[in-house]
Each structure stands twice: as structure tokens, then as C-alpha cells.
Amino acid sequence: MHPFLEGTILGMTLAIMLGPAMFSLIQTSIHRGLYRGILLAGGIFLSDLSLVVLCYLGAVQIIGNDRNYLMFGVIGGIILVIFGVVTFLRKVQVTDENNLIAVSIPGPLTYIFKGFFLNFANPFVWLFWVSVMVTVSSGYGTDSWSIKTFFAGSLISILATDILKVIIANRLKRYLKPRILIMINHLVGILLVLFGIYLVIKTFLNF
């Protein structure tokens, strides 16, 4: 099988996994629109790309240290909790046209950075790419072109499926009542907090 196709299959598999990034994509698309949802997806893509590059360059040794892994896991969990609290407490108002509009709309870079750090702060995303890099590198050996092609397929398929999620969520928005939209906002906030707490607990258990 061609390395690009193998990477695409991996990316499609990763795309259907539930996680804080996926919930944030859906929530952002519903509340902030298609454009900002795509910006968030772009930030997640840049985060994955950065992690793959770091793993390829050998930065995995940083996480290989138990002390660094513990610190990274705790900090990542705390960041997710903060994201969750901010999402839950974000003030919104409903207009007469039944559209949900935020009191203050952040700029485009805010969504790129949010997507980047939301994904980057998850230690299990690091561990996922580290394990994939080790497996793929051992499989292809010194064939660097195949390794790069594999990860190109993975990253492109992840970006494509994230954008697809944003489009679907945005299309469904018109069928959702304002009350349901607010409940989704609260649900995403709670899930992010739970994910953050889960990451901290699991990091200590693994340590």
C-alpha cells in the first residue's frame, strides 16, 4: 500500500475519535460561523504539523523523561480546564432573529491560536504522534520520503475531515433553537473541564 494512502487511513481513523478539539470545532462552527470554525481547524492542523515535525526531529526525548511527562500532562490538563470554564461562562445574547451572537467576537488569530494550543496542550496527542512516528520510522527505516509522504496523508486527511465537521455543524445550525445552542455551549465547556481533569488524573496514574 502506498505510504500516502496508509497515512490517509490513519488520519481518517483519528478524525472520528472524540476529544476536546472535536467538541470545540462543532461549538465554534455553531456559535461563531463557518469561517471561524475553519480557522480553528487550521490551528489544530498547525498544531499537529508542529508535533509531527518535532517528533521527526527527535524532540520525543523531551517527553521520554518521566518528570517532563508529568509536568506536561498537568499543565495540559489545566489549560483544557481553563478553556472549559471560559467556554461555559461566556456571555451570549439571543437576537430577535433567533441567532446566537457573542457579546465580543475575537479576531481571526484568536481562533487559530485557540485551535493550536487546545490540541498542543493535550499530552495524549503528543503520545499519539510519538508512537506513530516510532512505528512508521521503524517500518520504513531510512526511507525518509515514505515517512514524509505517510504523515502528509495523515495531516491532510485530518484537516479535510475537521473542515467537513465544521461545514456539517454549520449547516445544522439553522435547525437548532437558541436554547439548544446555549446548552451545547455549556455542554462543550463541561466536557472540556472533564477532559482536563481526566488528563491530569491519568497522567499521575501513568507516572
C-alpha atoms as a PDB file:
ATOM      1  CA  MET A   1       0.000   0.000   0.000  1.00  0.00           C
ATOM      2  CA  HIS A   2       1.250   3.492  -0.836  1.00  0.00           C
ATOM      3  CA  PRO A   3       2.518   5.485   2.204  1.00  0.00           C
ATOM      4  CA  PHE A   4       0.166   8.387   1.432  1.00  0.00           C
ATOM      5  CA  LEU A   5      -2.852   6.068   1.441  1.00  0.00           C
ATOM      6  CA  GLU A   6      -1.716   4.451   4.693  1.00  0.00           C
ATOM      7  CA  GLY A   7      -1.372   7.884   6.260  1.00  0.00           C
ATOM      8  CA  THR A   8      -4.804   8.886   4.969  1.00  0.00           C
ATOM      9  CA  ILE A   9      -6.384   5.843   6.620  1.00  0.00           C
ATOM     10  CA  LEU A  10      -4.688   6.737   9.909  1.00  0.00           C
ATOM     11  CA  GLY A  11      -5.911  10.333   9.634  1.00  0.00           C
ATOM     12  CA  MET A  12      -9.480   9.228   8.939  1.00  0.00           C
ATOM     13  CA  THR A  13      -9.346   6.960  11.978  1.00  0.00           C
ATOM     14  CA  LEU A  14      -8.062   9.757  14.200  1.00  0.00           C
ATOM     15  CA  ALA A  15     -10.707  12.143  12.856  1.00  0.00           C
ATOM     16  CA  ILE A  16     -13.628  10.118  14.251  1.00  0.00           C
ATOM     17  CA  MET A  17     -12.172   9.945  17.754  1.00  0.00           C
ATOM     18  CA  LEU A  18     -13.969  12.103  20.320  1.00  0.00           C
ATOM     19  CA  GLY A  19     -11.858  14.722  22.032  1.00  0.00           C
ATOM     20  CA  PRO A  20     -11.782  18.350  23.188  1.00  0.00           C
ATOM     21  CA  ALA A  21     -10.708  19.600  19.758  1.00  0.00           C
ATOM     22  CA  MET A  22     -13.680  17.939  18.054  1.00  0.00           C
ATOM     23  CA  PHE A  23     -16.185  19.398  20.515  1.00  0.00           C
ATOM     24  CA  SER A  24     -14.634  22.850  20.140  1.00  0.00           C
ATOM     25  CA  LEU A  25     -14.849  22.606  16.348  1.00  0.00           C
ATOM     26  CA  ILE A  26     -18.560  21.855  16.485  1.00  0.00           C
ATOM     27  CA  GLN A  27     -19.267  24.502  19.109  1.00  0.00           C
ATOM     28  CA  THR A  28     -17.302  27.203  17.282  1.00  0.00           C
ATOM     29  CA  SER A  29     -18.971  26.454  13.958  1.00  0.00           C
ATOM     30  CA  ILE A  30     -22.441  26.642  15.500  1.00  0.00           C
ATOM     31  CA  HIS A  31     -21.864  29.774  17.555  1.00  0.00           C
ATOM     32  CA  ARG A  32     -19.294  31.698  15.531  1.00  0.00           C
ATOM     33  CA  GLY A  33     -19.879  30.606  11.965  1.00  0.00           C
ATOM     34  CA  LEU A  34     -18.213  28.628   9.206  1.00  0.00           C
ATOM     35  CA  TYR A  35     -15.236  30.947   8.726  1.00  0.00           C
ATOM     36  CA  ARG A  36     -14.130  30.915  12.356  1.00  0.00           C
ATOM     37  CA  GLY A  37     -14.695  27.170  12.582  1.00  0.00           C
ATOM     38  CA  ILE A  38     -12.320  26.690   9.663  1.00  0.00           C
ATOM     39  CA  LEU A  39      -9.791  28.976  11.380  1.00  0.00           C
ATOM     40  CA  LEU A  40      -9.975  26.763  14.468  1.00  0.00           C
ATOM     41  CA  ALA A  41      -9.441  23.696  12.275  1.00  0.00           C
ATOM     42  CA  GLY A  42      -6.428  25.439  10.750  1.00  0.00           C
ATOM     43  CA  GLY A  43      -4.972  25.996  14.197  1.00  0.00           C
ATOM     44  CA  ILE A  44      -5.430  22.315  15.045  1.00  0.00           C
ATOM     45  CA  PHE A  45      -3.743  21.390  11.767  1.00  0.00           C
ATOM     46  CA  LEU A  46      -0.753  23.643  12.514  1.00  0.00           C
ATOM     47  CA  SER A  47      -0.505  22.074  15.958  1.00  0.00           C
ATOM     48  CA  ASP A  48      -0.455  18.536  14.543  1.00  0.00           C
ATOM     49  CA  LEU A  49       2.067  19.612  11.906  1.00  0.00           C
ATOM     50  CA  SER A  50       4.331  21.113  14.578  1.00  0.00           C
ATOM     51  CA  LEU A  51       4.120  17.956  16.687  1.00  0.00           C
ATOM     52  CA  VAL A  52       4.954  15.731  13.714  1.00  0.00           C
ATOM     53  CA  VAL A  53       7.959  17.908  12.844  1.00  0.00           C
ATOM     54  CA  LEU A  54       9.164  17.888  16.465  1.00  0.00           C
ATOM     55  CA  CYS A  55       8.805  14.114  16.643  1.00  0.00           C
ATOM     56  CA  TYR A  56      10.631  13.726  13.345  1.00  0.00           C
ATOM     57  CA  LEU A  57      13.489  15.897  14.586  1.00  0.00           C
ATOM     58  CA  GLY A  58      13.850  13.797  17.726  1.00  0.00           C
ATOM     59  CA  ALA A  59      12.179  16.058  20.268  1.00  0.00           C
ATOM     60  CA  VAL A  60      10.343  12.999  21.591  1.00  0.00           C
ATOM     61  CA  GLN A  61      13.212  12.563  24.031  1.00  0.00           C
ATOM     62  CA  ILE A  62      11.875  15.552  25.959  1.00  0.00           C
ATOM     63  CA  ILE A  63       8.676  13.695  26.836  1.00  0.00           C
ATOM     64  CA  GLY A  64      10.520  10.462  27.366  1.00  0.00           C
ATOM     65  CA  ASN A  65      11.647  11.810  30.730  1.00  0.00           C
ATOM     66  CA  ASP A  66       9.095  10.904  33.437  1.00  0.00           C
ATOM     67  CA  ARG A  67       9.394  14.250  35.193  1.00  0.00           C
ATOM     68  CA  ASN A  68       8.806  16.179  31.970  1.00  0.00           C
ATOM     69  CA  TYR A  69       5.863  13.952  31.077  1.00  0.00           C
ATOM     70  CA  LEU A  70       4.259  14.592  34.468  1.00  0.00           C
ATOM     71  CA  MET A  71       4.727  18.351  34.204  1.00  0.00           C
ATOM     72  CA  PHE A  72       3.464  18.451  30.625  1.00  0.00           C
ATOM     73  CA  GLY A  73       0.402  16.361  31.466  1.00  0.00           C
ATOM     74  CA  VAL A  74      -0.593  18.535  34.437  1.00  0.00           C
ATOM     75  CA  ILE A  75      -0.100  21.811  32.542  1.00  0.00           C
ATOM     76  CA  GLY A  76      -2.015  20.475  29.542  1.00  0.00           C
ATOM     77  CA  GLY A  77      -4.909  19.365  31.738  1.00  0.00           C
ATOM     78  CA  ILE A  78      -5.077  22.740  33.468  1.00  0.00           C
ATOM     79  CA  ILE A  79      -5.166  24.550  30.116  1.00  0.00           C
ATOM     80  CA  LEU A  80      -8.100  22.394  28.993  1.00  0.00           C
ATOM     81  CA  VAL A  81      -9.942  23.136  32.253  1.00  0.00           C
ATOM     82  CA  ILE A  82      -9.416  26.874  31.699  1.00  0.00           C
ATOM     83  CA  PHE A  83     -10.736  26.577  28.139  1.00  0.00           C
ATOM     84  CA  GLY A  84     -13.777  24.753  29.501  1.00  0.00           C
ATOM     85  CA  VAL A  85     -14.547  27.306  32.210  1.00  0.00           C
ATOM     86  CA  VAL A  86     -14.226  30.210  29.760  1.00  0.00           C
ATOM     87  CA  THR A  87     -16.486  28.443  27.266  1.00  0.00           C
ATOM     88  CA  PHE A  88     -19.122  27.691  29.907  1.00  0.00           C
ATOM     89  CA  LEU A  89     -19.128  31.218  31.351  1.00  0.00           C
ATOM     90  CA  ARG A  90     -19.009  33.058  28.016  1.00  0.00           C
ATOM     91  CA  LYS A  91     -21.861  35.571  27.958  1.00  0.00           C
ATOM     92  CA  VAL A  92     -24.182  35.369  24.984  1.00  0.00           C
ATOM     93  CA  GLN A  93     -27.381  37.061  23.934  1.00  0.00           C
ATOM     94  CA  VAL A  94     -30.112  35.908  21.582  1.00  0.00           C
ATOM     95  CA  THR A  95     -31.386  38.322  18.937  1.00  0.00           C
ATOM     96  CA  ASP A  96     -34.920  38.541  17.584  1.00  0.00           C
ATOM     97  CA  GLU A  97     -33.811  36.543  14.530  1.00  0.00           C
ATOM     98  CA  ASN A  98     -33.015  33.611  16.848  1.00  0.00           C
ATOM     99  CA  ASN A  99     -29.295  33.879  16.142  1.00  0.00           C
ATOM    100  CA  LEU A 100     -26.761  33.442  18.871  1.00  0.00           C
ATOM    101  CA  ILE A 101     -24.317  36.352  18.945  1.00  0.00           C
ATOM    102  CA  ALA A 102     -21.421  36.729  21.360  1.00  0.00           C
ATOM    103  CA  VAL A 103     -21.015  39.980  23.242  1.00  0.00           C
ATOM    104  CA  SER A 104     -17.490  40.307  21.901  1.00  0.00           C
ATOM    105  CA  ILE A 105     -16.193  38.471  18.845  1.00  0.00           C
ATOM    106  CA  PRO A 106     -12.465  37.662  18.967  1.00  0.00           C
ATOM    107  CA  GLY A 107     -10.296  38.261  15.925  1.00  0.00           C
ATOM    108  CA  PRO A 108      -9.285  35.535  13.445  1.00  0.00           C
ATOM    109  CA  LEU A 109      -5.899  34.921  15.071  1.00  0.00           C
ATOM    110  CA  THR A 110      -7.651  34.108  18.343  1.00  0.00           C
ATOM    111  CA  TYR A 111      -9.268  31.039  16.795  1.00  0.00           C
ATOM    112  CA  ILE A 112      -6.045  29.890  15.148  1.00  0.00           C
ATOM    113  CA  PHE A 113      -4.179  30.158  18.452  1.00  0.00           C
ATOM    114  CA  LYS A 114      -7.041  28.527  20.345  1.00  0.00           C
ATOM    115  CA  GLY A 115      -7.077  25.559  17.972  1.00  0.00           C
ATOM    116  CA  PHE A 116      -3.299  25.315  18.134  1.00  0.00           C
ATOM    117  CA  PHE A 117      -2.948  25.348  21.912  1.00  0.00           C
ATOM    118  CA  LEU A 118      -6.112  23.334  22.569  1.00  0.00           C
ATOM    119  CA  ASN A 119      -4.579  20.482  20.592  1.00  0.00           C
ATOM    120  CA  PHE A 120      -0.964  21.160  21.604  1.00  0.00           C
ATOM    121  CA  ALA A 121      -1.821  21.139  25.305  1.00  0.00           C
ATOM    122  CA  ASN A 122      -3.220  17.609  25.153  1.00  0.00           C
ATOM    123  CA  PRO A 123      -0.387  15.253  26.206  1.00  0.00           C
ATOM    124  CA  PHE A 124      -2.144  12.278  24.650  1.00  0.00           C
ATOM    125  CA  VAL A 125      -1.941  13.950  21.248  1.00  0.00           C
ATOM    126  CA  TRP A 126       1.809  14.129  21.827  1.00  0.00           C
ATOM    127  CA  LEU A 127       1.947  10.488  22.824  1.00  0.00           C
ATOM    128  CA  PHE A 128      -0.139   9.526  19.794  1.00  0.00           C
ATOM    129  CA  TRP A 129       2.217  11.205  17.328  1.00  0.00           C
ATOM    130  CA  VAL A 130       5.275   9.924  19.186  1.00  0.00           C
ATOM    131  CA  SER A 131       4.027   6.346  18.978  1.00  0.00           C
ATOM    132  CA  VAL A 132       3.069   6.734  15.305  1.00  0.00           C
ATOM    133  CA  MET A 133       6.450   8.260  14.481  1.00  0.00           C
ATOM    134  CA  VAL A 134       8.301   5.423  16.195  1.00  0.00           C
ATOM    135  CA  THR A 135       6.169   2.804  14.442  1.00  0.00           C
ATOM    136  CA  VAL A 136       6.376   4.388  10.992  1.00  0.00           C
ATOM    137  CA  SER A 137      10.098   5.092  11.285  1.00  0.00           C
ATOM    138  CA  SER A 138      10.823   1.510  12.245  1.00  0.00           C
ATOM    139  CA  GLY A 139       8.662   0.299   9.358  1.00  0.00           C
ATOM    140  CA  TYR A 140      10.202   2.473   6.646  1.00  0.00           C
ATOM    141  CA  GLY A 141      13.711   2.603   8.087  1.00  0.00           C
ATOM    142  CA  THR A 142      15.894   5.153   6.291  1.00  0.00           C
ATOM    143  CA  ASP A 143      13.286   5.868   3.600  1.00  0.00           C
ATOM    144  CA  SER A 144      12.606   9.456   4.653  1.00  0.00           C
ATOM    145  CA  TRP A 145      10.450  10.156   1.580  1.00  0.00           C
ATOM    146  CA  SER A 146       7.969   7.434   2.542  1.00  0.00           C
ATOM    147  CA  ILE A 147       7.841   8.706   6.132  1.00  0.00           C
ATOM    148  CA  LYS A 148       7.113  12.253   4.984  1.00  0.00           C
ATOM    149  CA  THR A 149       4.521  11.011   2.486  1.00  0.00           C
ATOM    150  CA  PHE A 150       2.792   8.973   5.191  1.00  0.00           C
ATOM    151  CA  PHE A 151       2.448  11.943   7.521  1.00  0.00           C
ATOM    152  CA  ALA A 152       1.392  14.211   4.651  1.00  0.00           C
ATOM    153  CA  GLY A 153      -1.517  11.843   4.034  1.00  0.00           C
ATOM    154  CA  SER A 154      -2.374  11.794   7.744  1.00  0.00           C
ATOM    155  CA  LEU A 155      -2.327  15.561   8.212  1.00  0.00           C
ATOM    156  CA  ILE A 156      -4.215  16.350   5.012  1.00  0.00           C
ATOM    157  CA  SER A 157      -6.982  13.863   5.831  1.00  0.00           C
ATOM    158  CA  ILE A 158      -7.278  15.222   9.396  1.00  0.00           C
ATOM    159  CA  LEU A 159      -7.597  18.797   8.111  1.00  0.00           C
ATOM    160  CA  ALA A 160     -10.141  17.760   5.473  1.00  0.00           C
ATOM    161  CA  THR A 161     -12.333  15.867   7.946  1.00  0.00           C
ATOM    162  CA  ASP A 162     -12.133  18.701  10.506  1.00  0.00           C
ATOM    163  CA  ILE A 163     -13.359  21.161   7.875  1.00  0.00           C
ATOM    164  CA  LEU A 164     -16.126  18.703   6.976  1.00  0.00           C
ATOM    165  CA  LYS A 165     -17.226  18.611  10.633  1.00  0.00           C
ATOM    166  CA  VAL A 166     -17.324  22.415  10.667  1.00  0.00           C
ATOM    167  CA  ILE A 167     -19.442  22.540   7.498  1.00  0.00           C
ATOM    168  CA  ILE A 168     -21.921  19.932   8.765  1.00  0.00           C
ATOM    169  CA  ALA A 169     -22.279  21.642  12.145  1.00  0.00           C
ATOM    170  CA  ASN A 170     -22.795  24.995  10.456  1.00  0.00           C
ATOM    171  CA  ARG A 171     -25.475  23.582   8.141  1.00  0.00           C
ATOM    172  CA  LEU A 172     -27.341  22.053  11.101  1.00  0.00           C
ATOM    173  CA  LYS A 173     -27.271  25.342  12.982  1.00  0.00           C
ATOM    174  CA  ARG A 174     -30.428  26.644  11.288  1.00  0.00           C
ATOM    175  CA  TYR A 175     -32.418  23.747  12.718  1.00  0.00           C
ATOM    176  CA  LEU A 176     -31.344  24.371  16.301  1.00  0.00           C
ATOM    177  CA  LYS A 177     -33.289  26.506  18.759  1.00  0.00           C
ATOM    178  CA  PRO A 178     -31.397  29.250  20.666  1.00  0.00           C
ATOM    179  CA  ARG A 179     -31.932  27.372  23.923  1.00  0.00           C
ATOM    180  CA  ILE A 180     -30.317  24.259  22.436  1.00  0.00           C
ATOM    181  CA  LEU A 181     -27.376  26.327  21.181  1.00  0.00           C
ATOM    182  CA  ILE A 182     -26.790  27.681  24.677  1.00  0.00           C
ATOM    183  CA  MET A 183     -27.000  24.160  26.107  1.00  0.00           C
ATOM    184  CA  ILE A 184     -24.407  22.996  23.566  1.00  0.00           C
ATOM    185  CA  ASN A 185     -22.153  25.838  24.680  1.00  0.00           C
ATOM    186  CA  HIS A 186     -22.472  24.703  28.308  1.00  0.00           C
ATOM    187  CA  LEU A 187     -22.022  21.051  27.358  1.00  0.00           C
ATOM    188  CA  VAL A 188     -18.781  21.770  25.500  1.00  0.00           C
ATOM    189  CA  GLY A 189     -17.485  23.741  28.480  1.00  0.00           C
ATOM    190  CA  ILE A 190     -18.274  20.889  30.875  1.00  0.00           C
ATOM    191  CA  LEU A 191     -16.699  18.305  28.550  1.00  0.00           C
ATOM    192  CA  LEU A 192     -13.504  20.351  28.244  1.00  0.00           C
ATOM    193  CA  VAL A 193     -13.266  20.624  32.037  1.00  0.00           C
ATOM    194  CA  LEU A 194     -13.833  16.874  32.399  1.00  0.00           C
ATOM    195  CA  PHE A 195     -11.231  16.137  29.734  1.00  0.00           C
ATOM    196  CA  GLY A 196      -8.739  18.371  31.531  1.00  0.00           C
ATOM    197  CA  ILE A 197      -9.357  16.687  34.901  1.00  0.00           C
ATOM    198  CA  TYR A 198      -9.156  13.271  33.229  1.00  0.00           C
ATOM    199  CA  LEU A 199      -5.803  14.141  31.645  1.00  0.00           C
ATOM    200  CA  VAL A 200      -4.340  15.257  34.980  1.00  0.00           C
ATOM    201  CA  ILE A 201      -5.560  12.135  36.806  1.00  0.00           C
ATOM    202  CA  LYS A 202      -4.411   9.780  34.058  1.00  0.00           C
ATOM    203  CA  THR A 203      -1.020  11.482  33.905  1.00  0.00           C
ATOM    204  CA  PHE A 204      -0.490  10.872  37.635  1.00  0.00           C
ATOM    205  CA  LEU A 205      -1.677   7.263  37.304  1.00  0.00           C
ATOM    206  CA  ASN A 206       0.685   6.611  34.397  1.00  0.00           C
ATOM    207  CA  PHE A 207       3.514   8.295  36.284  1.00  0.00           C
END
